[in-house]
Amino acid sequence: MHRYICEGIGDAKRLRLLYLVAECPRNVTELTELLDVTQPTVSHHLRVLRERGLVNAERDGTSIYYSLGDPRILEAMNILRSFVADKIQEAGSKISCYKFQPRIFTNPRHGSESV
């Protein structure tokens, strides 16, 4: 089950869709315009999200409006995003503390060289 859900949120477009439908219910036309992608692409991603219970679909006349299936999914995503941001910041500070030390190696043809 864990893998099934993670596959659903493992795409940047699907994550954006989740945040957009969390704001208010939206139809495919609105989502297509907001994401600037084709209608078949949006429909495909919505199908994946719907199959995993991450979005709900409700018909209103000829339109289908999509809404967030459970607000806890965004809470979990926000925690994960915060965790990743912290790790990136930590990695950046470690890299900036690293001082480049030239290494000396011996090239049999040219003697010692610095890198």
PDB file of N, CA and C in Angstrom:
ATOM      1  N   MET A   1       0.819  -1.196   0.000  1.00  0.00           N
ATOM      2  CA  MET A   1       0.000   0.000   0.000  1.00  0.00           C
ATOM      3  C   MET A   1       0.864   1.262   0.000  1.00  0.00           C
ATOM      4  N   HIS A   2       1.931   1.244   0.821  1.00  0.00           N
ATOM      5  CA  HIS A   2       2.828   2.389   0.916  1.00  0.00           C
ATOM      6  C   HIS A   2       3.397   2.748  -0.455  1.00  0.00           C
ATOM      7  N   ARG A   3       3.892   1.746  -1.166  1.00  0.00           N
ATOM      8  CA  ARG A   3       4.469   1.954  -2.492  1.00  0.00           C
ATOM      9  C   ARG A   3       3.420   2.496  -3.456  1.00  0.00           C
ATOM     10  N   TYR A   4       2.220   1.980  -3.382  1.00  0.00           N
ATOM     11  CA  TYR A   4       1.123   2.388  -4.249  1.00  0.00           C
ATOM     12  C   TYR A   4       0.818   3.883  -4.081  1.00  0.00           C
ATOM     13  N   ILE A   5       0.780   4.347  -2.839  1.00  0.00           N
ATOM     14  CA  ILE A   5       0.537   5.760  -2.558  1.00  0.00           C
ATOM     15  C   ILE A   5       1.725   6.594  -3.015  1.00  0.00           C
ATOM     16  N   CYS A   6       2.932   6.137  -2.700  1.00  0.00           N
ATOM     17  CA  CYS A   6       4.131   6.895  -3.078  1.00  0.00           C
ATOM     18  C   CYS A   6       4.260   7.040  -4.584  1.00  0.00           C
ATOM     19  N   GLU A   7       3.870   6.030  -5.327  1.00  0.00           N
ATOM     20  CA  GLU A   7       3.881   6.147  -6.787  1.00  0.00           C
ATOM     21  C   GLU A   7       2.905   7.232  -7.235  1.00  0.00           C
ATOM     22  N   GLY A   8       1.822   7.380  -6.515  1.00  0.00           N
ATOM     23  CA  GLY A   8       0.834   8.398  -6.848  1.00  0.00           C
ATOM     24  C   GLY A   8       1.349   9.805  -6.651  1.00  0.00           C
ATOM     25  N   ILE A   9       2.171  10.003  -5.651  1.00  0.00           N
ATOM     26  CA  ILE A   9       2.689  11.343  -5.379  1.00  0.00           C
ATOM     27  C   ILE A   9       4.112  11.531  -5.883  1.00  0.00           C
ATOM     28  N   GLY A  10       4.626  10.543  -6.597  1.00  0.00           N
ATOM     29  CA  GLY A  10       6.005  10.571  -7.061  1.00  0.00           C
ATOM     30  C   GLY A  10       6.227  11.322  -8.356  1.00  0.00           C
ATOM     31  N   ASP A  11       5.323  12.185  -8.719  1.00  0.00           N
ATOM     32  CA  ASP A  11       5.456  12.949  -9.952  1.00  0.00           C
ATOM     33  C   ASP A  11       5.149  14.414  -9.648  1.00  0.00           C
ATOM     34  N   ALA A  12       5.979  15.321 -10.143  1.00  0.00           N
ATOM     35  CA  ALA A  12       5.823  16.745  -9.845  1.00  0.00           C
ATOM     36  C   ALA A  12       4.467  17.293 -10.294  1.00  0.00           C
ATOM     37  N   LYS A  13       3.977  16.844 -11.443  1.00  0.00           N
ATOM     38  CA  LYS A  13       2.671  17.331 -11.915  1.00  0.00           C
ATOM     39  C   LYS A  13       1.549  16.864 -10.999  1.00  0.00           C
ATOM     40  N   ARG A  14       1.639  15.648 -10.506  1.00  0.00           N
ATOM     41  CA  ARG A  14       0.608  15.150  -9.593  1.00  0.00           C
ATOM     42  C   ARG A  14       0.643  15.905  -8.264  1.00  0.00           C
ATOM     43  N   LEU A  15       1.837  16.244  -7.804  1.00  0.00           N
ATOM     44  CA  LEU A  15       1.931  17.036  -6.582  1.00  0.00           C
ATOM     45  C   LEU A  15       1.285  18.401  -6.783  1.00  0.00           C
ATOM     46  N   ARG A  16       1.558  19.022  -7.910  1.00  0.00           N
ATOM     47  CA  ARG A  16       0.935  20.324  -8.188  1.00  0.00           C
ATOM     48  C   ARG A  16      -0.579  20.194  -8.267  1.00  0.00           C
ATOM     49  N   LEU A  17      -1.045  19.117  -8.879  1.00  0.00           N
ATOM     50  CA  LEU A  17      -2.496  18.889  -8.940  1.00  0.00           C
ATOM     51  C   LEU A  17      -3.093  18.783  -7.548  1.00  0.00           C
ATOM     52  N   LEU A  18      -2.420  18.064  -6.663  1.00  0.00           N
ATOM     53  CA  LEU A  18      -2.926  17.931  -5.300  1.00  0.00           C
ATOM     54  C   LEU A  18      -3.055  19.285  -4.611  1.00  0.00           C
ATOM     55  N   TYR A  19      -2.038  20.116  -4.746  1.00  0.00           N
ATOM     56  CA  TYR A  19      -2.096  21.430  -4.120  1.00  0.00           C
ATOM     57  C   TYR A  19      -3.175  22.306  -4.756  1.00  0.00           C
ATOM     58  N   LEU A  20      -3.355  22.198  -6.056  1.00  0.00           N
ATOM     59  CA  LEU A  20      -4.384  23.004  -6.731  1.00  0.00           C
ATOM     60  C   LEU A  20      -5.789  22.600  -6.322  1.00  0.00           C
ATOM     61  N   VAL A  21      -6.058  21.299  -6.256  1.00  0.00           N
ATOM     62  CA  VAL A  21      -7.416  20.872  -5.885  1.00  0.00           C
ATOM     63  C   VAL A  21      -7.654  21.024  -4.384  1.00  0.00           C
ATOM     64  N   ALA A  22      -6.593  21.197  -3.617  1.00  0.00           N
ATOM     65  CA  ALA A  22      -6.758  21.460  -2.186  1.00  0.00           C
ATOM     66  C   ALA A  22      -7.303  22.874  -1.967  1.00  0.00           C
ATOM     67  N   GLU A  23      -6.980  23.798  -2.877  1.00  0.00           N
ATOM     68  CA  GLU A  23      -7.460  25.177  -2.760  1.00  0.00           C
ATOM     69  C   GLU A  23      -8.970  25.245  -2.941  1.00  0.00           C
ATOM     70  N   CYS A  24      -9.447  24.555  -3.975  1.00  0.00           N
ATOM     71  CA  CYS A  24     -10.879  24.499  -4.266  1.00  0.00           C
ATOM     72  C   CYS A  24     -11.095  23.433  -5.333  1.00  0.00           C
ATOM     73  N   PRO A  25     -12.301  22.885  -5.413  1.00  0.00           N
ATOM     74  CA  PRO A  25     -12.561  21.887  -6.463  1.00  0.00           C
ATOM     75  C   PRO A  25     -12.359  22.513  -7.849  1.00  0.00           C
ATOM     76  N   ARG A  26     -11.737  21.759  -8.731  1.00  0.00           N
ATOM     77  CA  ARG A  26     -11.431  22.264 -10.082  1.00  0.00           C
ATOM     78  C   ARG A  26     -11.733  21.185 -11.111  1.00  0.00           C
ATOM     79  N   ASN A  27     -12.084  21.638 -12.319  1.00  0.00           N
ATOM     80  CA  ASN A  27     -12.311  20.689 -13.407  1.00  0.00           C
ATOM     81  C   ASN A  27     -11.054  20.575 -14.263  1.00  0.00           C
ATOM     82  N   VAL A  28     -11.071  19.661 -15.200  1.00  0.00           N
ATOM     83  CA  VAL A  28      -9.887  19.388 -16.021  1.00  0.00           C
ATOM     84  C   VAL A  28      -9.474  20.620 -16.822  1.00  0.00           C
ATOM     85  N   THR A  29     -10.435  21.370 -17.335  1.00  0.00           N
ATOM     86  CA  THR A  29     -10.108  22.567 -18.127  1.00  0.00           C
ATOM     87  C   THR A  29      -9.330  23.569 -17.282  1.00  0.00           C
ATOM     88  N   GLU A  30      -9.792  23.827 -16.065  1.00  0.00           N
ATOM     89  CA  GLU A  30      -9.086  24.752 -15.174  1.00  0.00           C
ATOM     90  C   GLU A  30      -7.669  24.253 -14.881  1.00  0.00           C
ATOM     91  N   LEU A  31      -7.558  22.979 -14.576  1.00  0.00           N
ATOM     92  CA  LEU A  31      -6.261  22.402 -14.234  1.00  0.00           C
ATOM     93  C   LEU A  31      -5.310  22.425 -15.419  1.00  0.00           C
ATOM     94  N   THR A  32      -5.833  22.191 -16.606  1.00  0.00           N
ATOM     95  CA  THR A  32      -5.019  22.241 -17.822  1.00  0.00           C
ATOM     96  C   THR A  32      -4.427  23.635 -17.992  1.00  0.00           C
ATOM     97  N   GLU A  33      -5.250  24.650 -17.794  1.00  0.00           N
ATOM     98  CA  GLU A  33      -4.776  26.032 -17.933  1.00  0.00           C
ATOM     99  C   GLU A  33      -3.776  26.397 -16.842  1.00  0.00           C
ATOM    100  N   LEU A  34      -4.043  25.997 -15.614  1.00  0.00           N
ATOM    101  CA  LEU A  34      -3.158  26.334 -14.503  1.00  0.00           C
ATOM    102  C   LEU A  34      -1.798  25.652 -14.600  1.00  0.00           C
ATOM    103  N   LEU A  35      -1.792  24.434 -15.097  1.00  0.00           N
ATOM    104  CA  LEU A  35      -0.536  23.680 -15.215  1.00  0.00           C
ATOM    105  C   LEU A  35       0.169  23.903 -16.550  1.00  0.00           C
ATOM    106  N   ASP A  36      -0.567  24.454 -17.517  1.00  0.00           N
ATOM    107  CA  ASP A  36      -0.030  24.674 -18.870  1.00  0.00           C
ATOM    108  C   ASP A  36       0.472  23.359 -19.489  1.00  0.00           C
ATOM    109  N   VAL A  37      -0.364  22.332 -19.376  1.00  0.00           N
ATOM    110  CA  VAL A  37      -0.102  21.041 -20.007  1.00  0.00           C
ATOM    111  C   VAL A  37      -1.356  20.615 -20.761  1.00  0.00           C
ATOM    112  N   THR A  38      -1.248  19.566 -21.532  1.00  0.00           N
ATOM    113  CA  THR A  38      -2.381  19.128 -22.341  1.00  0.00           C
ATOM    114  C   THR A  38      -3.454  18.461 -21.491  1.00  0.00           C
ATOM    115  N   GLN A  39      -4.661  18.451 -22.014  1.00  0.00           N
ATOM    116  CA  GLN A  39      -5.789  17.829 -21.321  1.00  0.00           C
ATOM    117  C   GLN A  39      -5.566  16.337 -21.085  1.00  0.00           C
ATOM    118  N   PRO A  40      -5.038  15.581 -22.084  1.00  0.00           N
ATOM    119  CA  PRO A  40      -4.792  14.155 -21.814  1.00  0.00           C
ATOM    120  C   PRO A  40      -3.779  13.926 -20.678  1.00  0.00           C
ATOM    121  N   THR A  41      -2.797  14.805 -20.570  1.00  0.00           N
ATOM    122  CA  THR A  41      -1.807  14.675 -19.494  1.00  0.00           C
ATOM    123  C   THR A  41      -2.466  14.884 -18.134  1.00  0.00           C
ATOM    124  N   VAL A  42      -3.271  15.934 -18.022  1.00  0.00           N
ATOM    125  CA  VAL A  42      -3.966  16.202 -16.764  1.00  0.00           C
ATOM    126  C   VAL A  42      -4.903  15.047 -16.427  1.00  0.00           C
ATOM    127  N   SER A  43      -5.652  14.581 -17.410  1.00  0.00           N
ATOM    128  CA  SER A  43      -6.587  13.471 -17.174  1.00  0.00           C
ATOM    129  C   SER A  43      -5.862  12.219 -16.699  1.00  0.00           C
ATOM    130  N   HIS A  44      -4.724  11.931 -17.302  1.00  0.00           N
ATOM    131  CA  HIS A  44      -3.932  10.767 -16.894  1.00  0.00           C
ATOM    132  C   HIS A  44      -3.516  10.889 -15.426  1.00  0.00           C
ATOM    133  N   HIS A  45      -2.965  12.040 -15.054  1.00  0.00           N
ATOM    134  CA  HIS A  45      -2.492  12.220 -13.684  1.00  0.00           C
ATOM    135  C   HIS A  45      -3.651  12.193 -12.689  1.00  0.00           C
ATOM    136  N   LEU A  46      -4.786  12.758 -13.066  1.00  0.00           N
ATOM    137  CA  LEU A  46      -5.950  12.717 -12.188  1.00  0.00           C
ATOM    138  C   LEU A  46      -6.442  11.278 -11.993  1.00  0.00           C
ATOM    139  N   ARG A  47      -6.370  10.485 -13.052  1.00  0.00           N
ATOM    140  CA  ARG A  47      -6.777   9.080 -12.940  1.00  0.00           C
ATOM    141  C   ARG A  47      -5.893   8.351 -11.931  1.00  0.00           C
ATOM    142  N   VAL A  48      -4.583   8.583 -12.010  1.00  0.00           N
ATOM    143  CA  VAL A  48      -3.650   7.950 -11.068  1.00  0.00           C
ATOM    144  C   VAL A  48      -3.977   8.379  -9.638  1.00  0.00           C
ATOM    145  N   LEU A  49      -4.210   9.666  -9.440  1.00  0.00           N
ATOM    146  CA  LEU A  49      -4.534  10.176  -8.106  1.00  0.00           C
ATOM    147  C   LEU A  49      -5.869   9.633  -7.607  1.00  0.00           C
ATOM    148  N   ARG A  50      -6.844   9.557  -8.505  1.00  0.00           N
ATOM    149  CA  ARG A  50      -8.171   9.053  -8.136  1.00  0.00           C
ATOM    150  C   ARG A  50      -8.107   7.576  -7.759  1.00  0.00           C
ATOM    151  N   GLU A  51      -7.362   6.774  -8.520  1.00  0.00           N
ATOM    152  CA  GLU A  51      -7.226   5.348  -8.228  1.00  0.00           C
ATOM    153  C   GLU A  51      -6.633   5.095  -6.850  1.00  0.00           C
ATOM    154  N   ARG A  52      -5.819   6.016  -6.376  1.00  0.00           N
ATOM    155  CA  ARG A  52      -5.155   5.858  -5.088  1.00  0.00           C
ATOM    156  C   ARG A  52      -5.908   6.550  -3.955  1.00  0.00           C
ATOM    157  N   GLY A  53      -7.052   7.127  -4.274  1.00  0.00           N
ATOM    158  CA  GLY A  53      -7.861   7.786  -3.259  1.00  0.00           C
ATOM    159  C   GLY A  53      -7.338   9.133  -2.810  1.00  0.00           C
ATOM    160  N   LEU A  54      -6.445   9.709  -3.597  1.00  0.00           N
ATOM    161  CA  LEU A  54      -5.851  10.991  -3.220  1.00  0.00           C
ATOM    162  C   LEU A  54      -6.705  12.177  -3.647  1.00  0.00           C
ATOM    163  N   VAL A  55      -7.550  11.983  -4.652  1.00  0.00           N
ATOM    164  CA  VAL A  55      -8.511  13.016  -5.051  1.00  0.00           C
ATOM    165  C   VAL A  55      -9.888  12.380  -5.182  1.00  0.00           C
ATOM    166  N   ASN A  56     -10.895  13.205  -5.010  1.00  0.00           N
ATOM    167  CA  ASN A  56     -12.282  12.802  -5.225  1.00  0.00           C
ATOM    168  C   ASN A  56     -12.774  13.452  -6.505  1.00  0.00           C
ATOM    169  N   ALA A  57     -13.683  12.786  -7.195  1.00  0.00           N
ATOM    170  CA  ALA A  57     -14.281  13.327  -8.413  1.00  0.00           C
ATOM    171  C   ALA A  57     -15.783  13.426  -8.200  1.00  0.00           C
ATOM    172  N   GLU A  58     -16.331  14.607  -8.506  1.00  0.00           N
ATOM    173  CA  GLU A  58     -17.768  14.821  -8.355  1.00  0.00           C
ATOM    174  C   GLU A  58     -18.306  15.481  -9.624  1.00  0.00           C
ATOM    175  N   ARG A  59     -19.315  14.850 -10.205  1.00  0.00           N
ATOM    176  CA  ARG A  59     -19.913  15.369 -11.433  1.00  0.00           C
ATOM    177  C   ARG A  59     -20.878  16.505 -11.106  1.00  0.00           C
ATOM    178  N   ASP A  60     -20.780  17.578 -11.930  1.00  0.00           N
ATOM    179  CA  ASP A  60     -21.711  18.703 -11.848  1.00  0.00           C
ATOM    180  C   ASP A  60     -22.126  19.022 -13.285  1.00  0.00           C
ATOM    181  N   GLY A  61     -23.245  18.454 -13.695  1.00  0.00           N
ATOM    182  CA  GLY A  61     -23.676  18.599 -15.092  1.00  0.00           C
ATOM    183  C   GLY A  61     -22.743  17.818 -15.991  1.00  0.00           C
ATOM    184  N   THR A  62     -22.117  18.527 -16.929  1.00  0.00           N
ATOM    185  CA  THR A  62     -21.198  17.854 -17.856  1.00  0.00           C
ATOM    186  C   THR A  62     -19.750  17.901 -17.361  1.00  0.00           C
ATOM    187  N   SER A  63     -19.507  18.620 -16.293  1.00  0.00           N
ATOM    188  CA  SER A  63     -18.141  18.751 -15.778  1.00  0.00           C
ATOM    189  C   SER A  63     -17.928  17.850 -14.575  1.00  0.00           C
ATOM    190  N   ILE A  64     -16.686  17.423 -14.414  1.00  0.00           N
ATOM    191  CA  ILE A  64     -16.281  16.671 -13.226  1.00  0.00           C
ATOM    192  C   ILE A  64     -15.304  17.548 -12.468  1.00  0.00           C
ATOM    193  N   TYR A  65     -15.588  17.755 -11.195  1.00  0.00           N
ATOM    194  CA  TYR A  65     -14.729  18.569 -10.344  1.00  0.00           C
ATOM    195  C   TYR A  65     -13.947  17.669  -9.403  1.00  0.00           C
ATOM    196  N   TYR A  66     -12.655  17.971  -9.310  1.00  0.00           N
ATOM    197  CA  TYR A  66     -11.746  17.185  -8.483  1.00  0.00           C
ATOM    198  C   TYR A  66     -11.398  17.967  -7.229  1.00  0.00           C
ATOM    199  N   SER A  67     -11.385  17.260  -6.113  1.00  0.00           N
ATOM    200  CA  SER A  67     -11.025  17.868  -4.836  1.00  0.00           C
ATOM    201  C   SER A  67     -10.071  16.926  -4.104  1.00  0.00           C
ATOM    202  N   LEU A  68      -9.429  17.453  -3.095  1.00  0.00           N
ATOM    203  CA  LEU A  68      -8.474  16.663  -2.322  1.00  0.00           C
ATOM    204  C   LEU A  68      -9.204  15.564  -1.556  1.00  0.00           C
ATOM    205  N   GLY A  69      -8.692  14.345  -1.655  1.00  0.00           N
ATOM    206  CA  GLY A  69      -9.325  13.204  -1.000  1.00  0.00           C
ATOM    207  C   GLY A  69      -9.204  13.234   0.507  1.00  0.00           C
ATOM    208  N   ASP A  70      -8.057  13.679   1.012  1.00  0.00           N
ATOM    209  CA  ASP A  70      -7.819  13.700   2.457  1.00  0.00           C
ATOM    210  C   ASP A  70      -6.736  14.746   2.729  1.00  0.00           C
ATOM    211  N   PRO A  71      -7.016  15.732   3.560  1.00  0.00           N
ATOM    212  CA  PRO A  71      -6.029  16.792   3.806  1.00  0.00           C
ATOM    213  C   PRO A  71      -4.738  16.287   4.457  1.00  0.00           C
ATOM    214  N   ARG A  72      -4.774  15.109   5.042  1.00  0.00           N
ATOM    215  CA  ARG A  72      -3.563  14.580   5.680  1.00  0.00           C
ATOM    216  C   ARG A  72      -2.451  14.327   4.670  1.00  0.00           C
ATOM    217  N   ILE A  73      -2.815  14.077   3.410  1.00  0.00           N
ATOM    218  CA  ILE A  73      -1.774  13.837   2.408  1.00  0.00           C
ATOM    219  C   ILE A  73      -0.912  15.082   2.229  1.00  0.00           C
ATOM    220  N   LEU A  74      -1.531  16.264   2.250  1.00  0.00           N
ATOM    221  CA  LEU A  74      -0.741  17.494   2.124  1.00  0.00           C
ATOM    222  C   LEU A  74       0.054  17.775   3.394  1.00  0.00           C
ATOM    223  N   GLU A  75      -0.492  17.426   4.536  1.00  0.00           N
ATOM    224  CA  GLU A  75       0.265  17.565   5.780  1.00  0.00           C
ATOM    225  C   GLU A  75       1.528  16.711   5.706  1.00  0.00           C
ATOM    226  N   ALA A  76       1.378  15.492   5.235  1.00  0.00           N
ATOM    227  CA  ALA A  76       2.531  14.584   5.091  1.00  0.00           C
ATOM    228  C   ALA A  76       3.523  15.133   4.067  1.00  0.00           C
ATOM    229  N   MET A  77       3.016  15.659   2.961  1.00  0.00           N
ATOM    230  CA  MET A  77       3.897  16.216   1.929  1.00  0.00           C
ATOM    231  C   MET A  77       4.648  17.432   2.453  1.00  0.00           C
ATOM    232  N   ASN A  78       3.984  18.269   3.230  1.00  0.00           N
ATOM    233  CA  ASN A  78       4.648  19.448   3.787  1.00  0.00           C
ATOM    234  C   ASN A  78       5.741  19.062   4.770  1.00  0.00           C
ATOM    235  N   ILE A  79       5.502  18.029   5.559  1.00  0.00           N
ATOM    236  CA  ILE A  79       6.540  17.535   6.473  1.00  0.00           C
ATOM    237  C   ILE A  79       7.729  17.013   5.670  1.00  0.00           C
ATOM    238  N   LEU A  80       7.451  16.249   4.643  1.00  0.00           N
ATOM    239  CA  LEU A  80       8.520  15.705   3.805  1.00  0.00           C
ATOM    240  C   LEU A  80       9.298  16.817   3.107  1.00  0.00           C
ATOM    241  N   ARG A  81       8.596  17.818   2.582  1.00  0.00           N
ATOM    242  CA  ARG A  81       9.264  18.945   1.923  1.00  0.00           C
ATOM    243  C   ARG A  81      10.164  19.690   2.903  1.00  0.00           C
ATOM    244  N   SER A  82       9.705  19.873   4.128  1.00  0.00           N
ATOM    245  CA  SER A  82      10.496  20.543   5.153  1.00  0.00           C
ATOM    246  C   SER A  82      11.754  19.727   5.475  1.00  0.00           C
ATOM    247  N   PHE A  83      11.588  18.422   5.583  1.00  0.00           N
ATOM    248  CA  PHE A  83      12.713  17.528   5.845  1.00  0.00           C
ATOM    249  C   PHE A  83      13.751  17.625   4.725  1.00  0.00           C
ATOM    250  N   VAL A  84      13.292  17.565   3.488  1.00  0.00           N
ATOM    251  CA  VAL A  84      14.203  17.635   2.336  1.00  0.00           C
ATOM    252  C   VAL A  84      14.905  18.994   2.299  1.00  0.00           C
ATOM    253  N   ALA A  85      14.176  20.080   2.562  1.00  0.00           N
ATOM    254  CA  ALA A  85      14.784  21.413   2.581  1.00  0.00           C
ATOM    255  C   ALA A  85      15.887  21.494   3.636  1.00  0.00           C
ATOM    256  N   ASP A  86      15.648  20.912   4.811  1.00  0.00           N
ATOM    257  CA  ASP A  86      16.667  20.893   5.857  1.00  0.00           C
ATOM    258  C   ASP A  86      17.896  20.123   5.409  1.00  0.00           C
ATOM    259  N   LYS A  87      17.687  18.986   4.761  1.00  0.00           N
ATOM    260  CA  LYS A  87      18.815  18.172   4.293  1.00  0.00           C
ATOM    261  C   LYS A  87      19.618  18.908   3.219  1.00  0.00           C
ATOM    262  N   ILE A  88      18.930  19.612   2.347  1.00  0.00           N
ATOM    263  CA  ILE A  88      19.619  20.388   1.308  1.00  0.00           C
ATOM    264  C   ILE A  88      20.445  21.495   1.954  1.00  0.00           C
ATOM    265  N   GLN A  89      19.850  22.169   2.936  1.00  0.00           N
ATOM    266  CA  GLN A  89      20.568  23.230   3.630  1.00  0.00           C
ATOM    267  C   GLN A  89      21.794  22.672   4.354  1.00  0.00           C
ATOM    268  N   GLU A  90      21.637  21.535   5.010  1.00  0.00           N
ATOM    269  CA  GLU A  90      22.768  20.906   5.696  1.00  0.00           C
ATOM    270  C   GLU A  90      23.869  20.548   4.703  1.00  0.00           C
ATOM    271  N   ALA A  91      23.472  19.989   3.579  1.00  0.00           N
ATOM    272  CA  ALA A  91      24.459  19.603   2.569  1.00  0.00           C
ATOM    273  C   ALA A  91      25.171  20.836   2.030  1.00  0.00           C
ATOM    274  N   GLY A  92      24.438  21.906   1.840  1.00  0.00           N
ATOM    275  CA  GLY A  92      25.038  23.144   1.356  1.00  0.00           C
ATOM    276  C   GLY A  92      26.041  23.714   2.327  1.00  0.00           C
ATOM    277  N   SER A  93      25.743  23.665   3.627  1.00  0.00           N
ATOM    278  CA  SER A  93      26.681  24.193   4.612  1.00  0.00           C
ATOM    279  C   SER A  93      27.921  23.317   4.703  1.00  0.00           C
ATOM    280  N   LYS A  94      27.764  22.006   4.525  1.00  0.00           N
ATOM    281  CA  LYS A  94      28.926  21.112   4.538  1.00  0.00           C
ATOM    282  C   LYS A  94      29.816  21.383   3.334  1.00  0.00           C
ATOM    283  N   ILE A  95      29.199  21.626   2.201  1.00  0.00           N
ATOM    284  CA  ILE A  95      29.980  21.897   0.984  1.00  0.00           C
ATOM    285  C   ILE A  95      30.712  23.222   1.111  1.00  0.00           C
ATOM    286  N   SER A  96      30.054  24.249   1.658  1.00  0.00           N
ATOM    287  CA  SER A  96      30.703  25.549   1.778  1.00  0.00           C
ATOM    288  C   SER A  96      31.836  25.527   2.801  1.00  0.00           C
ATOM    289  N   CYS A  97      31.801  24.578   3.751  1.00  0.00           N
ATOM    290  CA  CYS A  97      32.882  24.453   4.737  1.00  0.00           C
ATOM    291  C   CYS A  97      34.074  23.701   4.172  1.00  0.00           C
ATOM    292  N   TYR A  98      33.874  22.993   3.092  1.00  0.00           N
ATOM    293  CA  TYR A  98      34.938  22.202   2.495  1.00  0.00           C
ATOM    294  C   TYR A  98      35.933  23.126   1.823  1.00  0.00           C
ATOM    295  N   LYS A  99      37.188  22.956   2.129  1.00  0.00           N
ATOM    296  CA  LYS A  99      38.227  23.772   1.494  1.00  0.00           C
ATOM    297  C   LYS A  99      38.967  22.901   0.496  1.00  0.00           C
ATOM    298  N   PHE A 100      39.084  23.417  -0.694  1.00  0.00           N
ATOM    299  CA  PHE A 100      39.761  22.673  -1.742  1.00  0.00           C
ATOM    300  C   PHE A 100      41.238  22.598  -1.424  1.00  0.00           C
ATOM    301  N   GLN A 101      41.782  21.402  -1.392  1.00  0.00           N
ATOM    302  CA  GLN A 101      43.194  21.167  -1.180  1.00  0.00           C
ATOM    303  C   GLN A 101      43.766  20.548  -2.441  1.00  0.00           C
ATOM    304  N   PRO A 102      44.660  21.251  -3.108  1.00  0.00           N
ATOM    305  CA  PRO A 102      45.229  20.649  -4.312  1.00  0.00           C
ATOM    306  C   PRO A 102      45.971  19.364  -3.977  1.00  0.00           C
ATOM    307  N   ARG A 103      45.831  18.396  -4.834  1.00  0.00           N
ATOM    308  CA  ARG A 103      46.515  17.125  -4.641  1.00  0.00           C
ATOM    309  C   ARG A 103      47.705  17.063  -5.593  1.00  0.00           C
ATOM    310  N   ILE A 104      48.734  16.440  -5.123  1.00  0.00           N
ATOM    311  CA  ILE A 104      49.928  16.246  -5.949  1.00  0.00           C
ATOM    312  C   ILE A 104      49.924  14.802  -6.409  1.00  0.00           C
ATOM    313  N   PHE A 105      50.100  14.600  -7.694  1.00  0.00           N
ATOM    314  CA  PHE A 105      50.244  13.253  -8.203  1.00  0.00           C
ATOM    315  C   PHE A 105      51.422  13.228  -9.152  1.00  0.00           C
ATOM    316  N   THR A 106      51.905  12.063  -9.376  1.00  0.00           N
ATOM    317  CA  THR A 106      53.073  11.917 -10.228  1.00  0.00           C
ATOM    318  C   THR A 106      52.649  11.354 -11.566  1.00  0.00           C
ATOM    319  N   ASN A 107      52.989  12.074 -12.597  1.00  0.00           N
ATOM    320  CA  ASN A 107      52.757  11.619 -13.953  1.00  0.00           C
ATOM    321  C   ASN A 107      54.105  11.139 -14.467  1.00  0.00           C
ATOM    322  N   PRO A 108      54.194   9.876 -14.843  1.00  0.00           N
ATOM    323  CA  PRO A 108      55.498   9.342 -15.253  1.00  0.00           C
ATOM    324  C   PRO A 108      56.129  10.105 -16.412  1.00  0.00           C
ATOM    325  N   ARG A 109      55.345  10.746 -17.249  1.00  0.00           N
ATOM    326  CA  ARG A 109      55.885  11.473 -18.398  1.00  0.00           C
ATOM    327  C   ARG A 109      56.329  12.885 -18.048  1.00  0.00           C
ATOM    328  N   HIS A 110      55.619  13.532 -17.065  1.00  0.00           N
ATOM    329  CA  HIS A 110      55.876  14.946 -16.814  1.00  0.00           C
ATOM    330  C   HIS A 110      56.337  15.248 -15.401  1.00  0.00           C
ATOM    331  N   GLY A 111      56.517  14.272 -14.573  1.00  0.00           N
ATOM    332  CA  GLY A 111      56.907  14.519 -13.186  1.00  0.00           C
ATOM    333  C   GLY A 111      55.689  14.860 -12.344  1.00  0.00           C
ATOM    334  N   SER A 112      55.867  15.643 -11.275  1.00  0.00           N
ATOM    335  CA  SER A 112      54.776  15.988 -10.368  1.00  0.00           C
ATOM    336  C   SER A 112      53.917  17.101 -10.954  1.00  0.00           C
ATOM    337  N   GLU A 113      52.592  16.983 -10.703  1.00  0.00           N
ATOM    338  CA  GLU A 113      51.661  18.002 -11.149  1.00  0.00           C
ATOM    339  C   GLU A 113      50.621  18.224 -10.065  1.00  0.00           C
ATOM    340  N   SER A 114      50.044  19.427 -10.027  1.00  0.00           N
ATOM    341  CA  SER A 114      48.957  19.741  -9.105  1.00  0.00           C
ATOM    342  C   SER A 114      47.632  19.610  -9.818  1.00  0.00           C
ATOM    343  N   VAL A 115      46.645  19.253  -9.051  1.00  0.00           N
ATOM    344  CA  VAL A 115      45.278  19.172  -9.584  1.00  0.00           C
ATOM    345  C   VAL A 115      44.417  20.147  -8.821  1.00  0.00           C
TER     346      VAL A 115
END
